[in-house]
PDB file of N, CA and C in Angstrom:
ATOM      1  N   MET A   1       0.825  -1.196   0.000  1.00  0.00           N
ATOM      2  CA  MET A   1       0.000   0.000   0.000  1.00  0.00           C
ATOM      3  C   MET A   1       0.866   1.256   0.000  1.00  0.00           C
ATOM      4  N   LYS A   2       1.923   1.225   0.813  1.00  0.00           N
ATOM      5  CA  LYS A   2       2.807   2.371   0.904  1.00  0.00           C
ATOM      6  C   LYS A   2       3.484   2.631  -0.446  1.00  0.00           C
ATOM      7  N   LYS A   3       3.858   1.568  -1.166  1.00  0.00           N
ATOM      8  CA  LYS A   3       4.501   1.710  -2.473  1.00  0.00           C
ATOM      9  C   LYS A   3       3.534   2.346  -3.477  1.00  0.00           C
ATOM     10  N   ILE A   4       2.278   1.986  -3.385  1.00  0.00           N
ATOM     11  CA  ILE A   4       1.272   2.549  -4.302  1.00  0.00           C
ATOM     12  C   ILE A   4       1.106   4.041  -4.041  1.00  0.00           C
ATOM     13  N   LEU A   5       1.058   4.437  -2.786  1.00  0.00           N
ATOM     14  CA  LEU A   5       0.929   5.854  -2.453  1.00  0.00           C
ATOM     15  C   LEU A   5       2.142   6.653  -2.930  1.00  0.00           C
ATOM     16  N   VAL A   6       3.335   6.086  -2.761  1.00  0.00           N
ATOM     17  CA  VAL A   6       4.550   6.753  -3.227  1.00  0.00           C
ATOM     18  C   VAL A   6       4.516   6.878  -4.749  1.00  0.00           C
ATOM     19  N   LEU A   7       4.099   5.826  -5.435  1.00  0.00           N
ATOM     20  CA  LEU A   7       3.997   5.837  -6.891  1.00  0.00           C
ATOM     21  C   LEU A   7       2.991   6.895  -7.351  1.00  0.00           C
ATOM     22  N   LEU A   8       1.822   6.956  -6.713  1.00  0.00           N
ATOM     23  CA  LEU A   8       0.809   7.957  -7.076  1.00  0.00           C
ATOM     24  C   LEU A   8       1.315   9.381  -6.818  1.00  0.00           C
ATOM     25  N   ALA A   9       2.010   9.588  -5.713  1.00  0.00           N
ATOM     26  CA  ALA A   9       2.557  10.905  -5.408  1.00  0.00           C
ATOM     27  C   ALA A   9       3.603  11.309  -6.441  1.00  0.00           C
ATOM     28  N   THR A  10       4.441  10.361  -6.842  1.00  0.00           N
ATOM     29  CA  THR A  10       5.463  10.636  -7.859  1.00  0.00           C
ATOM     30  C   THR A  10       4.823  10.972  -9.192  1.00  0.00           C
ATOM     31  N   LEU A  11       3.826  10.198  -9.599  1.00  0.00           N
ATOM     32  CA  LEU A  11       3.125  10.476 -10.858  1.00  0.00           C
ATOM     33  C   LEU A  11       2.436  11.832 -10.817  1.00  0.00           C
ATOM     34  N   GLY A  12       1.857  12.159  -9.689  1.00  0.00           N
ATOM     35  CA  GLY A  12       1.213  13.460  -9.544  1.00  0.00           C
ATOM     36  C   GLY A  12       2.215  14.600  -9.658  1.00  0.00           C
ATOM     37  N   ALA A  13       3.384  14.435  -9.065  1.00  0.00           N
ATOM     38  CA  ALA A  13       4.418  15.469  -9.125  1.00  0.00           C
ATOM     39  C   ALA A  13       4.930  15.640 -10.557  1.00  0.00           C
ATOM     40  N   ILE A  14       5.146  14.528 -11.247  1.00  0.00           N
ATOM     41  CA  ILE A  14       5.610  14.593 -12.641  1.00  0.00           C
ATOM     42  C   ILE A  14       4.552  15.249 -13.516  1.00  0.00           C
ATOM     43  N   SER A  15       3.302  14.862 -13.335  1.00  0.00           N
ATOM     44  CA  SER A  15       2.205  15.444 -14.108  1.00  0.00           C
ATOM     45  C   SER A  15       2.103  16.942 -13.872  1.00  0.00           C
ATOM     46  N   GLY A  16       2.231  17.363 -12.615  1.00  0.00           N
ATOM     47  CA  GLY A  16       2.167  18.783 -12.288  1.00  0.00           C
ATOM     48  C   GLY A  16       3.312  19.556 -12.910  1.00  0.00           C
ATOM     49  N   ALA A  17       4.510  18.957 -12.926  1.00  0.00           N
ATOM     50  CA  ALA A  17       5.671  19.625 -13.521  1.00  0.00           C
ATOM     51  C   ALA A  17       5.490  19.788 -15.025  1.00  0.00           C
ATOM     52  N   VAL A  18       4.959  18.764 -15.681  1.00  0.00           N
ATOM     53  CA  VAL A  18       4.725  18.839 -17.121  1.00  0.00           C
ATOM     54  C   VAL A  18       3.683  19.908 -17.423  1.00  0.00           C
ATOM     55  N   GLN A  19       2.607  19.954 -16.661  1.00  0.00           N
ATOM     56  CA  GLN A  19       1.568  20.953 -16.879  1.00  0.00           C
ATOM     57  C   GLN A  19       2.090  22.360 -16.598  1.00  0.00           C
ATOM     58  N   ALA A  20       2.969  22.519 -15.630  1.00  0.00           N
ATOM     59  CA  ALA A  20       3.507  23.834 -15.295  1.00  0.00           C
ATOM     60  C   ALA A  20       4.378  24.377 -16.423  1.00  0.00           C
ATOM     61  N   GLN A  21       4.971  23.490 -17.230  1.00  0.00           N
ATOM     62  CA  GLN A  21       5.832  23.915 -18.320  1.00  0.00           C
ATOM     63  C   GLN A  21       5.054  24.235 -19.588  1.00  0.00           C
ATOM     64  N   ALA A  22       3.816  23.810 -19.668  1.00  0.00           N
ATOM     65  CA  ALA A  22       3.011  24.058 -20.858  1.00  0.00           C
ATOM     66  C   ALA A  22       2.682  25.547 -20.945  1.00  0.00           C
ATOM     67  N   PRO A  23       2.888  26.148 -22.124  1.00  0.00           N
ATOM     68  CA  PRO A  23       2.579  27.578 -22.250  1.00  0.00           C
ATOM     69  C   PRO A  23       1.077  27.818 -22.134  1.00  0.00           C
ATOM     70  N   ILE A  24       0.743  28.931 -21.534  1.00  0.00           N
ATOM     71  CA  ILE A  24      -0.663  29.302 -21.377  1.00  0.00           C
ATOM     72  C   ILE A  24      -1.037  30.221 -22.522  1.00  0.00           C
ATOM     73  N   LYS A  25      -2.064  29.858 -23.268  1.00  0.00           N
ATOM     74  CA  LYS A  25      -2.529  30.667 -24.394  1.00  0.00           C
ATOM     75  C   LYS A  25      -3.258  31.878 -23.842  1.00  0.00           C
ATOM     76  N   VAL A  26      -2.809  33.047 -24.251  1.00  0.00           N
ATOM     77  CA  VAL A  26      -3.427  34.299 -23.826  1.00  0.00           C
ATOM     78  C   VAL A  26      -4.193  34.868 -25.011  1.00  0.00           C
ATOM     79  N   LEU A  27      -5.422  35.249 -24.783  1.00  0.00           N
ATOM     80  CA  LEU A  27      -6.259  35.813 -25.836  1.00  0.00           C
ATOM     81  C   LEU A  27      -5.678  37.154 -26.274  1.00  0.00           C
ATOM     82  N   SER A  28      -5.472  37.322 -27.582  1.00  0.00           N
ATOM     83  CA  SER A  28      -4.947  38.595 -28.091  1.00  0.00           C
ATOM     84  C   SER A  28      -6.091  39.587 -28.270  1.00  0.00           C
ATOM     85  N   THR A  29      -5.706  40.845 -28.390  1.00  0.00           N
ATOM     86  CA  THR A  29      -6.705  41.893 -28.622  1.00  0.00           C
ATOM     87  C   THR A  29      -7.458  41.622 -29.922  1.00  0.00           C
ATOM     88  N   GLN A  30      -6.724  41.210 -30.968  1.00  0.00           N
ATOM     89  CA  GLN A  30      -7.385  40.949 -32.252  1.00  0.00           C
ATOM     90  C   GLN A  30      -8.391  39.803 -32.136  1.00  0.00           C
ATOM     91  N   GLU A  31      -8.050  38.766 -31.384  1.00  0.00           N
ATOM     92  CA  GLU A  31      -8.982  37.652 -31.191  1.00  0.00           C
ATOM     93  C   GLU A  31     -10.240  38.126 -30.461  1.00  0.00           C
ATOM     94  N   LEU A  32     -10.068  38.972 -29.453  1.00  0.00           N
ATOM     95  CA  LEU A  32     -11.231  39.497 -28.734  1.00  0.00           C
ATOM     96  C   LEU A  32     -12.067  40.384 -29.644  1.00  0.00           C
ATOM     97  N   VAL A  33     -11.407  41.244 -30.412  1.00  0.00           N
ATOM     98  CA  VAL A  33     -12.136  42.123 -31.337  1.00  0.00           C
ATOM     99  C   VAL A  33     -12.917  41.291 -32.346  1.00  0.00           C
ATOM    100  N   ASN A  34     -12.293  40.253 -32.897  1.00  0.00           N
ATOM    101  CA  ASN A  34     -12.988  39.392 -33.860  1.00  0.00           C
ATOM    102  C   ASN A  34     -14.219  38.739 -33.243  1.00  0.00           C
ATOM    103  N   THR A  35     -14.113  38.369 -31.982  1.00  0.00           N
ATOM    104  CA  THR A  35     -15.243  37.739 -31.286  1.00  0.00           C
ATOM    105  C   THR A  35     -16.343  38.753 -30.982  1.00  0.00           C
ATOM    106  N   CYS A  36     -15.939  39.985 -30.683  1.00  0.00           N
ATOM    107  CA  CYS A  36     -16.911  40.996 -30.246  1.00  0.00           C
ATOM    108  C   CYS A  36     -17.531  41.808 -31.384  1.00  0.00           C
ATOM    109  N   LYS A  37     -17.018  41.653 -32.603  1.00  0.00           N
ATOM    110  CA  LYS A  37     -17.581  42.417 -33.718  1.00  0.00           C
ATOM    111  C   LYS A  37     -19.032  42.023 -33.939  1.00  0.00           C
ATOM    112  N   LEU A  38     -19.839  43.016 -34.280  1.00  0.00           N
ATOM    113  CA  LEU A  38     -21.254  42.768 -34.560  1.00  0.00           C
ATOM    114  C   LEU A  38     -21.462  42.716 -36.061  1.00  0.00           C
ATOM    115  N   PRO A  39     -22.394  41.937 -36.569  1.00  0.00           N
ATOM    116  CA  PRO A  39     -23.265  41.049 -35.796  1.00  0.00           C
ATOM    117  C   PRO A  39     -22.503  39.811 -35.341  1.00  0.00           C
ATOM    118  N   ALA A  40     -22.794  39.385 -34.167  1.00  0.00           N
ATOM    119  CA  ALA A  40     -22.119  38.237 -33.576  1.00  0.00           C
ATOM    120  C   ALA A  40     -23.113  37.102 -33.363  1.00  0.00           C
ATOM    121  N   SER A  41     -22.593  35.889 -33.416  1.00  0.00           N
ATOM    122  CA  SER A  41     -23.425  34.731 -33.100  1.00  0.00           C
ATOM    123  C   SER A  41     -23.742  34.783 -31.606  1.00  0.00           C
ATOM    124  N   PRO A  42     -24.770  34.058 -31.170  1.00  0.00           N
ATOM    125  CA  PRO A  42     -25.065  34.031 -29.730  1.00  0.00           C
ATOM    126  C   PRO A  42     -23.866  33.559 -28.894  1.00  0.00           C
ATOM    127  N   GLU A  43     -23.107  32.600 -29.439  1.00  0.00           N
ATOM    128  CA  GLU A  43     -21.948  32.093 -28.705  1.00  0.00           C
ATOM    129  C   GLU A  43     -20.863  33.167 -28.590  1.00  0.00           C
ATOM    130  N   SER A  44     -20.588  33.855 -29.703  1.00  0.00           N
ATOM    131  CA  SER A  44     -19.572  34.915 -29.686  1.00  0.00           C
ATOM    132  C   SER A  44     -19.986  36.048 -28.765  1.00  0.00           C
ATOM    133  N   ARG A  45     -21.247  36.420 -28.834  1.00  0.00           N
ATOM    134  CA  ARG A  45     -21.738  37.505 -27.982  1.00  0.00           C
ATOM    135  C   ARG A  45     -21.611  37.131 -26.511  1.00  0.00           C
ATOM    136  N   SER A  46     -21.979  35.904 -26.176  1.00  0.00           N
ATOM    137  CA  SER A  46     -21.872  35.454 -24.784  1.00  0.00           C
ATOM    138  C   SER A  46     -20.419  35.467 -24.313  1.00  0.00           C
ATOM    139  N   PHE A  47     -19.508  34.971 -25.160  1.00  0.00           N
ATOM    140  CA  PHE A  47     -18.097  34.970 -24.791  1.00  0.00           C
ATOM    141  C   PHE A  47     -17.587  36.393 -24.618  1.00  0.00           C
ATOM    142  N   CYS A  48     -17.919  37.259 -25.555  1.00  0.00           N
ATOM    143  CA  CYS A  48     -17.465  38.654 -25.509  1.00  0.00           C
ATOM    144  C   CYS A  48     -17.940  39.339 -24.234  1.00  0.00           C
ATOM    145  N   ILE A  49     -19.196  39.227 -23.932  1.00  0.00           N
ATOM    146  CA  ILE A  49     -19.739  39.865 -22.732  1.00  0.00           C
ATOM    147  C   ILE A  49     -19.117  39.257 -21.474  1.00  0.00           C
ATOM    148  N   GLY A  50     -19.009  37.943 -21.440  1.00  0.00           N
ATOM    149  CA  GLY A  50     -18.415  37.287 -20.278  1.00  0.00           C
ATOM    150  C   GLY A  50     -16.962  37.675 -20.070  1.00  0.00           C
ATOM    151  N   TYR A  51     -16.188  37.690 -21.149  1.00  0.00           N
ATOM    152  CA  TYR A  51     -14.759  37.994 -21.047  1.00  0.00           C
ATOM    153  C   TYR A  51     -14.537  39.450 -20.638  1.00  0.00           C
ATOM    154  N   THR A  52     -15.220  40.366 -21.314  1.00  0.00           N
ATOM    155  CA  THR A  52     -15.020  41.781 -20.996  1.00  0.00           C
ATOM    156  C   THR A  52     -15.547  42.121 -19.602  1.00  0.00           C
ATOM    157  N   SER A  53     -16.653  41.517 -19.207  1.00  0.00           N
ATOM    158  CA  SER A  53     -17.178  41.745 -17.853  1.00  0.00           C
ATOM    159  C   SER A  53     -16.205  41.208 -16.809  1.00  0.00           C
ATOM    160  N   ALA A  54     -15.603  40.058 -17.092  1.00  0.00           N
ATOM    161  CA  ALA A  54     -14.639  39.472 -16.149  1.00  0.00           C
ATOM    162  C   ALA A  54     -13.408  40.363 -15.993  1.00  0.00           C
ATOM    163  N   ILE A  55     -12.965  40.983 -17.089  1.00  0.00           N
ATOM    164  CA  ILE A  55     -11.821  41.902 -17.001  1.00  0.00           C
ATOM    165  C   ILE A  55     -12.153  43.038 -16.041  1.00  0.00           C
ATOM    166  N   TYR A  56     -13.304  43.656 -16.245  1.00  0.00           N
ATOM    167  CA  TYR A  56     -13.677  44.806 -15.406  1.00  0.00           C
ATOM    168  C   TYR A  56     -13.979  44.374 -13.972  1.00  0.00           C
ATOM    169  N   ASP A  57     -14.672  43.262 -13.799  1.00  0.00           N
ATOM    170  CA  ASP A  57     -14.969  42.781 -12.450  1.00  0.00           C
ATOM    171  C   ASP A  57     -13.692  42.454 -11.681  1.00  0.00           C
ATOM    172  N   THR A  58     -12.712  41.861 -12.356  1.00  0.00           N
ATOM    173  CA  THR A  58     -11.440  41.559 -11.711  1.00  0.00           C
ATOM    174  C   THR A  58     -10.728  42.845 -11.324  1.00  0.00           C
ATOM    175  N   TYR A  59     -10.763  43.826 -12.209  1.00  0.00           N
ATOM    176  CA  TYR A  59     -10.184  45.139 -11.881  1.00  0.00           C
ATOM    177  C   TYR A  59     -10.831  45.691 -10.604  1.00  0.00           C
ATOM    178  N   LEU A  60     -12.170  45.674 -10.546  1.00  0.00           N
ATOM    179  CA  LEU A  60     -12.867  46.213  -9.382  1.00  0.00           C
ATOM    180  C   LEU A  60     -12.519  45.438  -8.105  1.00  0.00           C
ATOM    181  N   ALA A  61     -12.416  44.121  -8.228  1.00  0.00           N
ATOM    182  CA  ALA A  61     -12.163  43.292  -7.049  1.00  0.00           C
ATOM    183  C   ALA A  61     -10.738  43.437  -6.526  1.00  0.00           C
ATOM    184  N   THR A  62      -9.820  43.907  -7.348  1.00  0.00           N
ATOM    185  CA  THR A  62      -8.425  43.997  -6.916  1.00  0.00           C
ATOM    186  C   THR A  62      -7.999  45.398  -6.508  1.00  0.00           C
ATOM    187  N   ARG A  63      -8.897  46.347  -6.512  1.00  0.00           N
ATOM    188  CA  ARG A  63      -8.547  47.713  -6.108  1.00  0.00           C
ATOM    189  C   ARG A  63      -8.542  47.805  -4.604  1.00  0.00           C
ATOM    190  N   HIS A  64      -7.508  48.376  -4.062  1.00  0.00           N
ATOM    191  CA  HIS A  64      -7.425  48.640  -2.630  1.00  0.00           C
ATOM    192  C   HIS A  64      -7.048  50.110  -2.481  1.00  0.00           C
ATOM    193  N   PRO A  65      -7.819  50.885  -1.743  1.00  0.00           N
ATOM    194  CA  PRO A  65      -7.614  52.333  -1.687  1.00  0.00           C
ATOM    195  C   PRO A  65      -6.196  52.793  -1.348  1.00  0.00           C
ATOM    196  N   GLN A  66      -5.489  52.057  -0.488  1.00  0.00           N
ATOM    197  CA  GLN A  66      -4.152  52.493  -0.103  1.00  0.00           C
ATOM    198  C   GLN A  66      -3.061  51.965  -1.032  1.00  0.00           C
ATOM    199  N   SER A  67      -3.185  50.747  -1.522  1.00  0.00           N
ATOM    200  CA  SER A  67      -2.086  50.165  -2.287  1.00  0.00           C
ATOM    201  C   SER A  67      -2.338  50.064  -3.785  1.00  0.00           C
ATOM    202  N   ALA A  68      -3.550  50.171  -4.219  1.00  0.00           N
ATOM    203  CA  ALA A  68      -3.854  50.060  -5.654  1.00  0.00           C
ATOM    204  C   ALA A  68      -4.941  51.069  -5.999  1.00  0.00           C
ATOM    205  N   ARG A  69      -4.538  52.295  -6.110  1.00  0.00           N
ATOM    206  CA  ARG A  69      -5.492  53.372  -6.403  1.00  0.00           C
ATOM    207  C   ARG A  69      -6.205  53.104  -7.720  1.00  0.00           C
ATOM    208  N   PRO A  70      -7.472  53.461  -7.814  1.00  0.00           N
ATOM    209  CA  PRO A  70      -8.212  53.230  -9.053  1.00  0.00           C
ATOM    210  C   PRO A  70      -7.693  54.099 -10.189  1.00  0.00           C
ATOM    211  N   PHE A  71      -7.734  53.542 -11.385  1.00  0.00           N
ATOM    212  CA  PHE A  71      -7.375  54.309 -12.574  1.00  0.00           C
ATOM    213  C   PHE A  71      -8.486  54.280 -13.610  1.00  0.00           C
ATOM    214  N   ILE A  72      -9.574  53.570 -13.302  1.00  0.00           N
ATOM    215  CA  ILE A  72     -10.771  53.546 -14.144  1.00  0.00           C
ATOM    216  C   ILE A  72     -11.930  53.978 -13.259  1.00  0.00           C
ATOM    217  N   CYS A  73     -12.597  55.062 -13.632  1.00  0.00           N
ATOM    218  CA  CYS A  73     -13.707  55.579 -12.832  1.00  0.00           C
ATOM    219  C   CYS A  73     -14.908  55.805 -13.746  1.00  0.00           C
ATOM    220  N   VAL A  74     -15.895  54.953 -13.613  1.00  0.00           N
ATOM    221  CA  VAL A  74     -17.103  55.044 -14.434  1.00  0.00           C
ATOM    222  C   VAL A  74     -18.178  55.733 -13.611  1.00  0.00           C
ATOM    223  N   ASN A  75     -18.617  56.892 -14.086  1.00  0.00           N
ATOM    224  CA  ASN A  75     -19.703  57.595 -13.404  1.00  0.00           C
ATOM    225  C   ASN A  75     -20.987  56.791 -13.537  1.00  0.00           C
ATOM    226  N   GLN A  76     -21.802  56.851 -12.496  1.00  0.00           N
ATOM    227  CA  GLN A  76     -23.075  56.127 -12.490  1.00  0.00           C
ATOM    228  C   GLN A  76     -24.222  57.087 -12.747  1.00  0.00           C
ATOM    229  N   PRO A  77     -25.209  56.733 -13.508  1.00  0.00           N
ATOM    230  CA  PRO A  77     -25.343  55.418 -14.144  1.00  0.00           C
ATOM    231  C   PRO A  77     -24.329  55.276 -15.266  1.00  0.00           C
ATOM    232  N   GLY A  78     -23.777  54.096 -15.372  1.00  0.00           N
ATOM    233  CA  GLY A  78     -22.752  53.820 -16.375  1.00  0.00           C
ATOM    234  C   GLY A  78     -23.346  53.702 -17.764  1.00  0.00           C
ATOM    235  N   PRO A  79     -22.485  53.737 -18.776  1.00  0.00           N
ATOM    236  CA  PRO A  79     -22.955  53.582 -20.149  1.00  0.00           C
ATOM    237  C   PRO A  79     -23.408  52.147 -20.394  1.00  0.00           C
ATOM    238  N   LYS A  80     -24.110  51.939 -21.488  1.00  0.00           N
ATOM    239  CA  LYS A  80     -24.543  50.588 -21.843  1.00  0.00           C
ATOM    240  C   LYS A  80     -23.329  49.749 -22.211  1.00  0.00           C
ATOM    241  N   ARG A  81     -23.328  48.509 -21.740  1.00  0.00           N
ATOM    242  CA  ARG A  81     -22.225  47.586 -21.991  1.00  0.00           C
ATOM    243  C   ARG A  81     -21.959  47.430 -23.486  1.00  0.00           C
ATOM    244  N   ASP A  82     -23.008  47.261 -24.286  1.00  0.00           N
ATOM    245  CA  ASP A  82     -22.826  47.080 -25.731  1.00  0.00           C
ATOM    246  C   ASP A  82     -22.176  48.299 -26.369  1.00  0.00           C
ATOM    247  N   ASP A  83     -22.489  49.494 -25.875  1.00  0.00           N
ATOM    248  CA  ASP A  83     -21.876  50.711 -26.412  1.00  0.00           C
ATOM    249  C   ASP A  83     -20.382  50.749 -26.108  1.00  0.00           C
ATOM    250  N   VAL A  84     -20.007  50.358 -24.896  1.00  0.00           N
ATOM    251  CA  VAL A  84     -18.596  50.359 -24.519  1.00  0.00           C
ATOM    252  C   VAL A  84     -17.835  49.312 -25.328  1.00  0.00           C
ATOM    253  N   ILE A  85     -18.417  48.128 -25.502  1.00  0.00           N
ATOM    254  CA  ILE A  85     -17.761  47.077 -26.280  1.00  0.00           C
ATOM    255  C   ILE A  85     -17.607  47.517 -27.741  1.00  0.00           C
ATOM    256  N   ALA A  86     -18.642  48.098 -28.319  1.00  0.00           N
ATOM    257  CA  ALA A  86     -18.571  48.566 -29.707  1.00  0.00           C
ATOM    258  C   ALA A  86     -17.504  49.650 -29.849  1.00  0.00           C
ATOM    259  N   ASP A  87     -17.405  50.529 -28.865  1.00  0.00           N
ATOM    260  CA  ASP A  87     -16.397  51.583 -28.905  1.00  0.00           C
ATOM    261  C   ASP A  87     -14.993  50.996 -28.774  1.00  0.00           C
ATOM    262  N   PHE A  88     -14.844  49.966 -27.938  1.00  0.00           N
ATOM    263  CA  PHE A  88     -13.546  49.293 -27.796  1.00  0.00           C
ATOM    264  C   PHE A  88     -13.141  48.651 -29.120  1.00  0.00           C
ATOM    265  N   VAL A  89     -14.083  47.976 -29.785  1.00  0.00           N
ATOM    266  CA  VAL A  89     -13.792  47.338 -31.078  1.00  0.00           C
ATOM    267  C   VAL A  89     -13.335  48.393 -32.084  1.00  0.00           C
ATOM    268  N   LYS A  90     -14.032  49.517 -32.116  1.00  0.00           N
ATOM    269  CA  LYS A  90     -13.665  50.610 -33.017  1.00  0.00           C
ATOM    270  C   LYS A  90     -12.278  51.147 -32.667  1.00  0.00           C
ATOM    271  N   TRP A  91     -12.039  51.414 -31.387  1.00  0.00           N
ATOM    272  CA  TRP A  91     -10.753  51.944 -30.926  1.00  0.00           C
ATOM    273  C   TRP A  91      -9.616  50.981 -31.268  1.00  0.00           C
ATOM    274  N   ALA A  92      -9.822  49.693 -31.036  1.00  0.00           N
ATOM    275  CA  ALA A  92      -8.782  48.698 -31.337  1.00  0.00           C
ATOM    276  C   ALA A  92      -8.476  48.672 -32.833  1.00  0.00           C
ATOM    277  N   GLY A  93      -9.504  48.836 -33.667  1.00  0.00           N
ATOM    278  CA  GLY A  93      -9.282  48.898 -35.107  1.00  0.00           C
ATOM    279  C   GLY A  93      -8.469  50.116 -35.513  1.00  0.00           C
ATOM    280  N   GLU A  94      -8.612  51.185 -34.779  1.00  0.00           N
ATOM    281  CA  GLU A  94      -7.857  52.419 -35.050  1.00  0.00           C
ATOM    282  C   GLU A  94      -6.459  52.383 -34.429  1.00  0.00           C
ATOM    283  N   ASN A  95      -6.185  51.386 -33.616  1.00  0.00           N
ATOM    284  CA  ASN A  95      -4.889  51.240 -32.946  1.00  0.00           C
ATOM    285  C   ASN A  95      -4.330  49.841 -33.210  1.00  0.00           C
ATOM    286  N   PRO A  96      -3.930  49.563 -34.469  1.00  0.00           N
ATOM    287  CA  PRO A  96      -3.506  48.217 -34.841  1.00  0.00           C
ATOM    288  C   PRO A  96      -2.273  47.716 -34.067  1.00  0.00           C
ATOM    289  N   GLN A  97      -1.528  48.602 -33.451  1.00  0.00           N
ATOM    290  CA  GLN A  97      -0.370  48.178 -32.663  1.00  0.00           C
ATOM    291  C   GLN A  97      -0.788  47.350 -31.447  1.00  0.00           C
ATOM    292  N   THR A  98      -2.064  47.367 -31.106  1.00  0.00           N
ATOM    293  CA  THR A  98      -2.548  46.585 -29.953  1.00  0.00           C
ATOM    294  C   THR A  98      -2.997  45.182 -30.340  1.00  0.00           C
ATOM    295  N   ALA A  99      -3.055  44.868 -31.631  1.00  0.00           N
ATOM    296  CA  ALA A  99      -3.649  43.620 -32.115  1.00  0.00           C
ATOM    297  C   ALA A  99      -3.044  42.367 -31.496  1.00  0.00           C
ATOM    298  N   ASP A 100      -1.723  42.331 -31.335  1.00  0.00           N
ATOM    299  CA  ASP A 100      -1.089  41.117 -30.818  1.00  0.00           C
ATOM    300  C   ASP A 100      -0.833  41.170 -29.312  1.00  0.00           C
ATOM    301  N   LYS A 101      -1.269  42.224 -28.669  1.00  0.00           N
ATOM    302  CA  LYS A 101      -1.111  42.365 -27.217  1.00  0.00           C
ATOM    303  C   LYS A 101      -2.191  41.559 -26.492  1.00  0.00           C
ATOM    304  N   PRO A 102      -1.936  41.166 -25.237  1.00  0.00           N
ATOM    305  CA  PRO A 102      -2.970  40.455 -24.473  1.00  0.00           C
ATOM    306  C   PRO A 102      -4.246  41.301 -24.345  1.00  0.00           C
ATOM    307  N   ALA A 103      -5.374  40.691 -24.617  1.00  0.00           N
ATOM    308  CA  ALA A 103      -6.653  41.397 -24.651  1.00  0.00           C
ATOM    309  C   ALA A 103      -6.999  42.056 -23.315  1.00  0.00           C
ATOM    310  N   ALA A 104      -6.744  41.381 -22.215  1.00  0.00           N
ATOM    311  CA  ALA A 104      -7.125  41.941 -20.912  1.00  0.00           C
ATOM    312  C   ALA A 104      -6.377  43.244 -20.630  1.00  0.00           C
ATOM    313  N   GLY A 105      -5.077  43.276 -20.907  1.00  0.00           N
ATOM    314  CA  GLY A 105      -4.306  44.490 -20.677  1.00  0.00           C
ATOM    315  C   GLY A 105      -4.732  45.626 -21.590  1.00  0.00           C
ATOM    316  N   THR A 106      -4.993  45.293 -22.851  1.00  0.00           N
ATOM    317  CA  THR A 106      -5.436  46.314 -23.802  1.00  0.00           C
ATOM    318  C   THR A 106      -6.794  46.867 -23.393  1.00  0.00           C
ATOM    319  N   ALA A 107      -7.699  45.985 -22.973  1.00  0.00           N
ATOM    320  CA  ALA A 107      -9.034  46.432 -22.560  1.00  0.00           C
ATOM    321  C   ALA A 107      -8.938  47.345 -21.337  1.00  0.00           C
ATOM    322  N   LEU A 108      -8.089  47.000 -20.380  1.00  0.00           N
ATOM    323  CA  LEU A 108      -7.913  47.867 -19.208  1.00  0.00           C
ATOM    324  C   LEU A 108      -7.331  49.220 -19.609  1.00  0.00           C
ATOM    325  N   GLY A 109      -6.383  49.207 -20.525  1.00  0.00           N
ATOM    326  CA  GLY A 109      -5.816  50.466 -21.010  1.00  0.00           C
ATOM    327  C   GLY A 109      -6.862  51.327 -21.701  1.00  0.00           C
ATOM    328  N   TYR A 110      -7.704  50.684 -22.504  1.00  0.00           N
ATOM    329  CA  TYR A 110      -8.790  51.401 -23.177  1.00  0.00           C
ATOM    330  C   TYR A 110      -9.739  52.006 -22.136  1.00  0.00           C
ATOM    331  N   LEU A 111     -10.142  51.210 -21.145  1.00  0.00           N
ATOM    332  CA  LEU A 111     -11.065  51.703 -20.122  1.00  0.00           C
ATOM    333  C   LEU A 111     -10.457  52.861 -19.332  1.00  0.00           C
ATOM    334  N   ALA A 112      -9.159  52.784 -19.046  1.00  0.00           N
ATOM    335  CA  ALA A 112      -8.485  53.870 -18.329  1.00  0.00           C
ATOM    336  C   ALA A 112      -8.488  55.152 -19.149  1.00  0.00           C
ATOM    337  N   MET A 113      -8.332  55.018 -20.471  1.00  0.00           N
ATOM    338  CA  MET A 113      -8.357  56.179 -21.345  1.00  0.00           C
ATOM    339  C   MET A 113      -9.789  56.734 -21.481  1.00  0.00           C
ATOM    340  N   ARG A 114     -10.737  55.841 -21.596  1.00  0.00           N
ATOM    341  CA  ARG A 114     -12.141  56.227 -21.812  1.00  0.00           C
ATOM    342  C   ARG A 114     -12.811  56.739 -20.541  1.00  0.00           C
ATOM    343  N   PHE A 115     -12.438  56.168 -19.403  1.00  0.00           N
ATOM    344  CA  PHE A 115     -13.051  56.525 -18.107  1.00  0.00           C
ATOM    345  C   PHE A 115     -11.970  56.850 -17.088  1.00  0.00           C
ATOM    346  N   PRO A 116     -11.201  57.915 -17.322  1.00  0.00           N
ATOM    347  CA  PRO A 116     -10.118  58.230 -16.391  1.00  0.00           C
ATOM    348  C   PRO A 116     -10.659  58.750 -15.054  1.00  0.00           C
ATOM    349  N   CYS A 117      -9.882  58.550 -14.021  1.00  0.00           N
ATOM    350  CA  CYS A 117     -10.235  59.077 -12.705  1.00  0.00           C
ATOM    351  C   CYS A 117      -9.727  60.513 -12.605  1.00  0.00           C
ATOM    352  N   GLY A 118     -10.543  61.368 -12.016  1.00  0.00           N
ATOM    353  CA  GLY A 118     -10.122  62.753 -11.810  1.00  0.00           C
ATOM    354  C   GLY A 118      -9.108  62.836 -10.700  1.00  0.00           C
ATOM    355  N   LYS A 119      -8.319  63.871 -10.719  1.00  0.00           N
ATOM    356  CA  LYS A 119      -7.336  64.066  -9.644  1.00  0.00           C
ATOM    357  C   LYS A 119      -8.039  64.569  -8.402  1.00  0.00           C
ATOM    358  N   LYS A 120      -7.664  64.007  -7.246  1.00  0.00           N
ATOM    359  CA  LYS A 120      -8.296  64.397  -5.979  1.00  0.00           C
ATOM    360  C   LYS A 120      -7.329  65.180  -5.151  1.00  0.00           C
TER     361      LYS A 120
END
């Protein structure tokens, strides 16, 4: 029994090491723009809304007033989600240098430019 547990632990460690070395595919800005362009299929629209909402929700969840000051400030009531996504798609098309950059970083940069925080 002890040999089996050691064998399973060893296999688990080897498997974890192999998985840790596998590159993680990061969605590019161009891939996100292609998915979010209208008209979109129901699947593309769902992915686009889910992905872009997750970017913004993660930004909101990681802000801490003392150590991570906000850089995106959306006045309430906020704009319609579809309008912001359409504007991002347009902006990305006008800024082709962002096409191969990670989509999440580009989207945050766009939001910071579009909804900057005022100086306090």
